[in-house]
Structure formats: structure tokens, C-alpha cells
Amino acid sequence: MAEHNRTDSRQASRQADARAASQRLKKLSDDAGSQVSAIDLAKEYASSGQFNPLATGSFAPSLEDSQEAGASRPREITLKAADATGMNTAKAVRDAMHGVIDPELGLDVIDLGLVYAVEIDRKGRAILTMTLTTPACPLTDLIEDETASILAGIVDLFRIDWVWSPAWNLSMITPEGRQQLNAIGYDF
């Protein structure tokens, strides 16, 4: 019973934070008139410290909306390589990316469903196709820096191709990721 009340309290707090951030954005928009674009509003929201991609009203579609649109399970990460050595390296890169943690949610980028593909080209360079929970996420540089640290002993060079299609949604979170988020109070 006590755990349930704490979960309800955390959820109510997150919803209140999201409402407060939404009100600040509306005020910003009203103050600036038509000069503020949707991207500017999204950047302000994402950098406000109140952004929660799992909150009601976030930029990410809800789990229910995602499932209605046909997304019923996490994406399979595509691995590509020119040869067997490259494929082993692609698998090692994928596994190592569990060490890159999304700073907002405290969940790794694999279990969060942000990595779409890992390719190792003929020269042994890694090309990662990734997305973020929202295009306005201000944490791209931080994730790239963490990736460089994690991949330092696996590949000499890497590149991240940031993509927005398909857009990230809650259904992309792995079952392991859902368990971790449930443990810290998110309810799926």
C-alpha cells in the first residue's frame, strides 16, 4: 500500500511539473507573440529541467497511441557489416551502448530504444543510426561524448546519424527498460 501511494505521489508530482512547464511555455509564447516558433518552444521546454518524455503531454506519443499506430514492440536493432569480423564488431558496439545512459531518464540508450542501427564499414568505422525522445533534446552532445568514451576500445572512429523518422515512442522501450522505469516509479 505504501509503495502504491509513493508511486501515485511521484506520478502526481511529475504531472504537476509538466503542467508548470507547459504554463511557462504558454507565457513565453504569449510574451513573444508570433515571434516564437514551435522549435523554440520545444527547446525551451526541453532545457527547462521539467522535460519528461514519459509525462502526459510530452512530445512523444503515448504507449496507447503508439500501439494504435501499429508499434506494438521495441524495434530490432539492425546490424550491418561487410564481413564476419565487422559483424562481431557491430555486436560489440551494440552491447557497449548499454553503457551510454540517457541523463534525463537514467536508462541506457539501447533499452530506451534510441539506437536503430549499427553499421561497421569496410574500414572498421562504426556508423550508429540513433534518435532522441524529441528533436529538441539538448543532450545530443552529451550522448555523443559518452558514446566516444564507451566505444574507445572497440572502434577507432564512429559517427552518429541522428534521425527523426520513425519518431521515438514509448513502445520502443525494451521490456528490460520498462522494468527499470517501473522500479523508479513510472507506470506502464
Protein backbone atom coordinates (compact mmCIF):
# COMPACT_ATOMS: atom_id res chain seq x y z
CA MET A 1 0.00 0.00 0.00
CA ALA A 2 2.78 2.44 0.94
CA GLU A 3 4.60 1.72 -2.36
CA HIS A 4 1.41 2.39 -4.33
CA ASN A 5 0.95 5.74 -2.55
CA ARG A 6 4.55 6.74 -3.29
CA THR A 7 4.06 5.86 -6.96
CA ASP A 8 0.85 7.91 -7.09
CA SER A 9 2.63 10.81 -5.38
CA ARG A 10 5.56 10.69 -7.81
CA GLN A 11 3.20 10.50 -10.76
CA ALA A 12 1.17 13.47 -9.46
CA SER A 13 4.39 15.41 -8.92
CA ARG A 14 5.59 14.67 -12.47
CA GLN A 15 2.21 15.73 -13.87
CA ALA A 16 2.33 18.97 -11.86
CA ASP A 17 5.87 19.62 -13.15
CA ALA A 18 4.73 19.04 -16.74
CA ARG A 19 1.74 21.40 -16.25
CA ALA A 20 4.01 24.08 -14.77
CA ALA A 21 6.43 23.76 -17.71
CA SER A 22 3.52 23.96 -20.13
CA GLN A 23 2.26 27.14 -18.43
CA ARG A 24 5.75 28.69 -18.62
CA LEU A 25 5.90 27.89 -22.32
CA LYS A 26 2.47 29.39 -22.92
CA LYS A 27 3.56 32.56 -21.10
CA LEU A 28 6.77 32.66 -23.15
CA SER A 29 4.73 32.28 -26.32
CA ASP A 30 2.21 34.95 -25.25
CA ASP A 31 5.01 37.36 -24.26
CA ALA A 32 6.84 36.90 -27.55
CA GLY A 33 3.73 36.94 -29.72
CA SER A 34 4.09 35.19 -33.04
CA GLN A 35 7.89 35.55 -32.97
CA VAL A 36 8.37 32.24 -31.12
CA SER A 37 8.40 29.14 -33.29
CA ALA A 38 7.34 25.67 -32.22
CA ILE A 39 11.02 24.64 -32.29
CA ASP A 40 11.91 27.50 -29.94
CA LEU A 41 9.13 26.41 -27.59
CA ALA A 42 10.30 22.79 -27.74
CA LYS A 43 13.89 23.81 -26.99
CA GLU A 44 12.78 25.94 -24.06
CA TYR A 45 10.70 23.06 -22.70
CA ALA A 46 13.49 20.51 -23.20
CA SER A 47 16.06 22.71 -21.46
CA SER A 48 13.73 23.82 -18.66
CA GLY A 49 14.63 20.91 -16.40
CA GLN A 50 10.95 19.96 -16.38
CA PHE A 51 11.04 17.93 -19.59
CA ASN A 52 9.96 14.35 -19.12
CA PRO A 53 9.42 12.39 -22.34
CA LEU A 54 7.21 9.96 -20.44
CA ALA A 55 4.90 12.60 -18.98
CA THR A 56 1.38 13.24 -20.18
CA GLY A 57 1.54 15.98 -22.79
CA SER A 58 5.16 15.32 -23.75
CA PHE A 59 6.26 15.36 -27.36
CA ALA A 60 6.44 11.55 -27.50
CA PRO A 61 3.26 9.68 -28.42
CA SER A 62 1.69 7.73 -25.58
CA LEU A 63 2.12 3.97 -25.45
CA GLU A 64 -1.54 3.56 -26.39
CA ASP A 65 -1.23 5.92 -29.39
CA SER A 66 1.94 4.14 -30.46
CA GLN A 67 0.26 0.74 -30.31
CA GLU A 68 -2.80 2.02 -32.18
CA ALA A 69 -0.44 3.21 -34.91
CA GLY A 70 0.95 -0.33 -35.18
CA ALA A 71 4.02 -0.12 -32.94
CA SER A 72 3.50 -2.97 -30.53
CA ARG A 73 7.04 -3.89 -29.51
CA PRO A 74 10.57 -2.48 -29.39
CA ARG A 75 12.44 -2.15 -32.68
CA GLU A 76 15.05 -4.72 -33.56
CA ILE A 77 18.44 -3.02 -33.88
CA THR A 78 19.74 -3.55 -37.41
CA LEU A 79 23.35 -4.74 -37.58
CA LYS A 80 25.30 -4.36 -40.84
CA ALA A 81 28.86 -5.24 -41.74
CA ALA A 82 30.96 -6.19 -44.76
CA ASP A 83 32.30 -9.39 -43.18
CA ALA A 84 32.20 -11.64 -40.10
CA THR A 85 34.78 -9.55 -38.23
CA GLY A 86 32.70 -6.45 -38.88
CA MET A 87 29.55 -8.21 -37.68
CA ASN A 88 31.29 -9.20 -34.43
CA THR A 89 32.37 -5.57 -34.02
CA ALA A 90 28.80 -4.37 -34.69
CA LYS A 91 27.54 -6.70 -31.96
CA ALA A 92 30.24 -5.44 -29.58
CA VAL A 93 29.26 -1.82 -30.34
CA ARG A 94 25.58 -2.60 -29.74
CA ASP A 95 26.37 -4.31 -26.44
CA ALA A 96 28.69 -1.48 -25.33
CA MET A 97 25.99 1.11 -26.00
CA HIS A 98 24.18 -0.23 -22.93
CA GLY A 99 26.78 1.88 -21.10
CA VAL A 100 25.51 5.15 -22.63
CA ILE A 101 22.91 6.48 -20.23
CA ASP A 102 20.18 8.97 -21.11
CA PRO A 103 20.73 11.62 -18.40
CA GLU A 104 17.05 12.58 -18.14
CA LEU A 105 15.70 9.10 -17.51
CA GLY A 106 18.75 7.24 -16.21
CA LEU A 107 18.17 4.44 -18.70
CA ASP A 108 20.64 3.25 -21.32
CA VAL A 109 20.09 4.21 -24.95
CA ILE A 110 19.59 0.58 -26.03
CA ASP A 111 16.84 -0.20 -23.52
CA LEU A 112 15.27 3.21 -24.17
CA GLY A 113 15.07 2.28 -27.87
CA LEU A 114 17.14 5.17 -29.19
CA VAL A 115 19.55 3.06 -31.27
CA TYR A 116 18.05 1.97 -34.59
CA ALA A 117 21.10 0.52 -36.37
CA VAL A 118 24.82 -0.20 -36.05
CA GLU A 119 26.92 -0.50 -39.19
CA ILE A 120 30.62 -1.25 -39.48
CA ASP A 121 32.03 -0.09 -42.80
CA ARG A 122 34.93 -1.73 -44.69
CA LYS A 123 37.45 0.48 -42.86
CA GLY A 124 36.13 -0.62 -39.45
CA ARG A 125 34.33 2.64 -38.65
CA ALA A 126 31.07 2.44 -36.72
CA ILE A 127 28.03 4.28 -38.01
CA LEU A 128 25.20 4.41 -35.49
CA THR A 129 21.70 5.41 -36.52
CA MET A 130 20.00 6.90 -33.49
CA THR A 131 17.14 9.11 -32.44
CA LEU A 132 16.21 11.05 -29.33
CA THR A 133 12.99 11.23 -27.34
CA THR A 134 12.36 14.61 -29.01
CA PRO A 135 14.15 16.53 -31.79
CA ALA A 136 14.58 19.45 -29.39
CA CYS A 137 16.53 17.36 -26.87
CA PRO A 138 19.51 19.44 -25.71
CA LEU A 139 21.58 16.38 -24.76
CA THR A 140 22.93 15.34 -28.18
CA ASP A 141 26.50 16.43 -27.37
CA LEU A 142 26.47 14.65 -24.02
CA ILE A 143 25.30 11.39 -25.62
CA GLU A 144 27.95 11.72 -28.35
CA ASP A 145 30.67 12.28 -25.72
CA GLU A 146 29.53 9.25 -23.70
CA THR A 147 29.46 7.18 -26.89
CA ALA A 148 33.04 8.20 -27.69
CA SER A 149 34.18 7.09 -24.24
CA ILE A 150 32.29 3.78 -24.41
CA LEU A 151 33.47 2.89 -27.94
CA ALA A 152 37.13 3.95 -27.44
CA GLY A 153 38.41 0.39 -27.06
CA ILE A 154 36.14 -1.12 -29.72
CA VAL A 155 36.43 1.12 -32.80
CA ASP A 156 38.82 3.92 -33.72
CA LEU A 157 36.22 6.09 -35.44
CA PHE A 158 32.46 6.37 -35.19
CA ARG A 159 29.68 8.60 -36.39
CA ILE A 160 26.12 9.04 -35.16
CA ASP A 161 23.48 9.74 -37.77
CA TRP A 162 20.59 11.39 -35.89
CA VAL A 163 17.23 10.57 -37.46
CA TRP A 164 13.67 11.56 -36.59
CA SER A 165 11.79 9.01 -38.63
CA PRO A 166 10.44 6.85 -37.33
CA ALA A 167 9.82 9.10 -34.37
CA TRP A 168 10.65 7.64 -30.97
CA ASN A 169 7.69 6.44 -28.94
CA LEU A 170 7.11 4.53 -25.73
CA SER A 171 6.69 1.21 -27.50
CA MET A 172 10.39 1.31 -28.41
CA ILE A 173 11.43 0.81 -24.79
CA THR A 174 12.58 -2.78 -24.24
CA PRO A 175 10.93 -4.99 -21.59
CA GLU A 176 14.10 -4.60 -19.50
CA GLY A 177 13.84 -0.83 -19.83
CA ARG A 178 10.19 -0.91 -18.75
CA GLN A 179 11.14 -2.88 -15.66
CA GLN A 180 13.81 -0.34 -14.78
CA LEU A 181 11.42 2.57 -15.29
CA ASN A 182 8.71 0.81 -13.26
CA ALA A 183 11.24 0.39 -10.44
CA ILE A 184 11.76 4.16 -10.25
CA GLY A 185 8.07 4.99 -10.34
CA TYR A 186 6.97 5.18 -13.97
CA ASP A 187 3.83 3.18 -14.58
CA PHE A 188 3.24 1.42 -17.91
